[in-house]
């Protein structure tokens, strides 16, 4: 999967089309990502748990398919497809628009 945690992405499909945000989590096996502030769903939460947390309606970020988002290049700030170039023994992600290397975000 070419999108990783911490990347800034633009939503290109669905009801949140045009919104952007940072990837909160990425599930490589299911091919889904959670983007902060995008695809918010309301969940009816029951009261309970060890700490007796209050119930009510809670807003949660739902996962969306990785095909619905496009990476925003940190150097040119354009939505771009991601390519790969091999530099020595290391495979790096590359912006297809400006040809800049996209560094991984430090966690």
C-alpha atoms as a PDB file:
ATOM      1  CA  UNK A   1       0.000   0.000   0.000  1.00  0.00           C
ATOM      2  CA  UNK A   2       1.449   3.343  -1.043  1.00  0.00           C
ATOM      3  CA  UNK A   3      -0.220   5.433   1.674  1.00  0.00           C
ATOM      4  CA  UNK A   4       1.238   5.281   5.179  1.00  0.00           C
ATOM      5  CA  UNK A   5       0.359   6.589   8.625  1.00  0.00           C
ATOM      6  CA  UNK A   6       0.997  10.335   8.911  1.00  0.00           C
ATOM      7  CA  UNK A   7       0.724  11.084   5.171  1.00  0.00           C
ATOM      8  CA  UNK A   8      -1.455  13.995   4.086  1.00  0.00           C
ATOM      9  CA  UNK A   9      -4.124  12.777   1.668  1.00  0.00           C
ATOM     10  CA  UNK A  10      -7.010  14.146  -0.395  1.00  0.00           C
ATOM     11  CA  UNK A  11     -10.317  12.271  -0.610  1.00  0.00           C
ATOM     12  CA  UNK A  12     -11.223  11.737  -4.285  1.00  0.00           C
ATOM     13  CA  UNK A  13     -14.344   9.543  -3.953  1.00  0.00           C
ATOM     14  CA  UNK A  14     -17.437   9.455  -1.800  1.00  0.00           C
ATOM     15  CA  UNK A  15     -19.458  11.981   0.142  1.00  0.00           C
ATOM     16  CA  UNK A  16     -16.328  13.614   1.624  1.00  0.00           C
ATOM     17  CA  UNK A  17     -14.783  14.268  -1.801  1.00  0.00           C
ATOM     18  CA  UNK A  18     -12.450  17.271  -1.745  1.00  0.00           C
ATOM     19  CA  UNK A  19     -11.592  17.098   1.961  1.00  0.00           C
ATOM     20  CA  UNK A  20      -8.045  16.475   3.110  1.00  0.00           C
ATOM     21  CA  UNK A  21      -6.398  15.277   6.298  1.00  0.00           C
ATOM     22  CA  UNK A  22      -3.645  13.149   7.772  1.00  0.00           C
ATOM     23  CA  UNK A  23      -3.818   9.364   7.844  1.00  0.00           C
ATOM     24  CA  UNK A  24      -4.474   8.259  11.441  1.00  0.00           C
ATOM     25  CA  UNK A  25      -4.082   4.540  10.722  1.00  0.00           C
ATOM     26  CA  UNK A  26      -3.606   2.257   7.742  1.00  0.00           C
ATOM     27  CA  UNK A  27      -4.669  -1.403   7.537  1.00  0.00           C
ATOM     28  CA  UNK A  28      -2.545  -3.007   4.828  1.00  0.00           C
ATOM     29  CA  UNK A  29      -4.357  -6.346   4.884  1.00  0.00           C
ATOM     30  CA  UNK A  30      -7.839  -4.866   4.387  1.00  0.00           C
ATOM     31  CA  UNK A  31      -6.663  -1.975   2.197  1.00  0.00           C
ATOM     32  CA  UNK A  32      -8.351   0.653   4.376  1.00  0.00           C
ATOM     33  CA  UNK A  33      -7.233   3.930   5.940  1.00  0.00           C
ATOM     34  CA  UNK A  34      -8.635   6.244   8.611  1.00  0.00           C
ATOM     35  CA  UNK A  35      -8.237   9.946   7.824  1.00  0.00           C
ATOM     36  CA  UNK A  36      -8.519  12.501  10.640  1.00  0.00           C
ATOM     37  CA  UNK A  37     -11.643  14.654  10.316  1.00  0.00           C
ATOM     38  CA  UNK A  38     -13.010  12.719   7.324  1.00  0.00           C
ATOM     39  CA  UNK A  39     -15.692  10.000   7.134  1.00  0.00           C
ATOM     40  CA  UNK A  40     -17.092  10.748  10.602  1.00  0.00           C
ATOM     41  CA  UNK A  41     -19.888   8.447  11.761  1.00  0.00           C
ATOM     42  CA  UNK A  42     -22.114   8.761  14.810  1.00  0.00           C
ATOM     43  CA  UNK A  43     -22.142   5.706  17.037  1.00  0.00           C
ATOM     44  CA  UNK A  44     -24.625   5.062  19.831  1.00  0.00           C
ATOM     45  CA  UNK A  45     -22.477   4.066  22.807  1.00  0.00           C
ATOM     46  CA  UNK A  46     -23.842   2.195  25.820  1.00  0.00           C
ATOM     47  CA  UNK A  47     -22.909   3.236  29.317  1.00  0.00           C
ATOM     48  CA  UNK A  48     -20.550   0.829  31.044  1.00  0.00           C
ATOM     49  CA  UNK A  49     -17.052  -0.548  31.174  1.00  0.00           C
ATOM     50  CA  UNK A  50     -14.566  -0.761  34.020  1.00  0.00           C
ATOM     51  CA  UNK A  51     -14.622   2.993  34.660  1.00  0.00           C
ATOM     52  CA  UNK A  52     -18.407   3.332  34.123  1.00  0.00           C
ATOM     53  CA  UNK A  53     -17.968   5.575  31.112  1.00  0.00           C
ATOM     54  CA  UNK A  54     -21.021   7.627  30.168  1.00  0.00           C
ATOM     55  CA  UNK A  55     -23.145   6.581  27.231  1.00  0.00           C
ATOM     56  CA  UNK A  56     -24.515   8.700  24.429  1.00  0.00           C
ATOM     57  CA  UNK A  57     -23.857   9.481  20.810  1.00  0.00           C
ATOM     58  CA  UNK A  58     -20.138   9.472  19.997  1.00  0.00           C
ATOM     59  CA  UNK A  59     -18.509  10.581  16.748  1.00  0.00           C
ATOM     60  CA  UNK A  60     -15.908   8.133  15.439  1.00  0.00           C
ATOM     61  CA  UNK A  61     -13.676   8.137  12.369  1.00  0.00           C
ATOM     62  CA  UNK A  62     -14.595   5.224  10.101  1.00  0.00           C
ATOM     63  CA  UNK A  63     -12.172   3.457   7.778  1.00  0.00           C
ATOM     64  CA  UNK A  64     -12.391   4.056   4.039  1.00  0.00           C
ATOM     65  CA  UNK A  65     -10.861   2.209   1.083  1.00  0.00           C
ATOM     66  CA  UNK A  66      -7.357   3.312   0.146  1.00  0.00           C
ATOM     67  CA  UNK A  67      -8.577   3.712  -3.459  1.00  0.00           C
ATOM     68  CA  UNK A  68     -10.675   6.669  -2.277  1.00  0.00           C
ATOM     69  CA  UNK A  69      -7.683   8.781  -1.240  1.00  0.00           C
ATOM     70  CA  UNK A  70      -4.755  10.325  -3.083  1.00  0.00           C
ATOM     71  CA  UNK A  71      -1.454  11.323  -1.502  1.00  0.00           C
ATOM     72  CA  UNK A  72      -0.591  15.046  -1.370  1.00  0.00           C
ATOM     73  CA  UNK A  73       3.104  15.594  -2.112  1.00  0.00           C
ATOM     74  CA  UNK A  74       4.823  17.466   0.750  1.00  0.00           C
ATOM     75  CA  UNK A  75       7.153  19.351  -1.609  1.00  0.00           C
ATOM     76  CA  UNK A  76       4.767  20.512  -4.385  1.00  0.00           C
ATOM     77  CA  UNK A  77       1.432  20.293  -2.448  1.00  0.00           C
ATOM     78  CA  UNK A  78      -0.330  18.618  -5.390  1.00  0.00           C
ATOM     79  CA  UNK A  79      -2.367  15.397  -5.241  1.00  0.00           C
ATOM     80  CA  UNK A  80      -0.182  12.798  -6.881  1.00  0.00           C
ATOM     81  CA  UNK A  81       0.211   9.158  -7.643  1.00  0.00           C
ATOM     82  CA  UNK A  82       3.133   7.466  -5.937  1.00  0.00           C
ATOM     83  CA  UNK A  83       5.972   5.793  -7.757  1.00  0.00           C
ATOM     84  CA  UNK A  84       8.969   3.895  -6.445  1.00  0.00           C
ATOM     85  CA  UNK A  85      12.657   4.374  -7.247  1.00  0.00           C
ATOM     86  CA  UNK A  86      15.426   2.165  -5.981  1.00  0.00           C
ATOM     87  CA  UNK A  87      18.274   4.168  -4.461  1.00  0.00           C
ATOM     88  CA  UNK A  88      21.061   1.733  -3.672  1.00  0.00           C
ATOM     89  CA  UNK A  89      19.436  -1.109  -1.760  1.00  0.00           C
ATOM     90  CA  UNK A  90      16.536   1.008  -0.490  1.00  0.00           C
ATOM     91  CA  UNK A  91      13.195   1.481  -2.249  1.00  0.00           C
ATOM     92  CA  UNK A  92      11.863   5.059  -1.852  1.00  0.00           C
ATOM     93  CA  UNK A  93       8.464   6.582  -2.655  1.00  0.00           C
ATOM     94  CA  UNK A  94       8.584   9.251  -5.375  1.00  0.00           C
ATOM     95  CA  UNK A  95       6.093  11.947  -6.408  1.00  0.00           C
ATOM     96  CA  UNK A  96       4.980  11.454 -10.020  1.00  0.00           C
ATOM     97  CA  UNK A  97       4.417  15.219 -10.504  1.00  0.00           C
ATOM     98  CA  UNK A  98       7.655  16.820  -9.256  1.00  0.00           C
ATOM     99  CA  UNK A  99       9.864  13.684  -8.987  1.00  0.00           C
ATOM    100  CA  UNK A 100      10.760  14.493  -5.352  1.00  0.00           C
ATOM    101  CA  UNK A 101      11.393  11.731  -2.825  1.00  0.00           C
ATOM    102  CA  UNK A 102       8.558  11.384  -0.302  1.00  0.00           C
ATOM    103  CA  UNK A 103      10.055  10.735   3.115  1.00  0.00           C
ATOM    104  CA  UNK A 104       8.234   8.631   5.702  1.00  0.00           C
ATOM    105  CA  UNK A 105       6.696  10.589   8.559  1.00  0.00           C
ATOM    106  CA  UNK A 106       8.419   9.955  11.882  1.00  0.00           C
ATOM    107  CA  UNK A 107       6.032   8.341  14.354  1.00  0.00           C
END
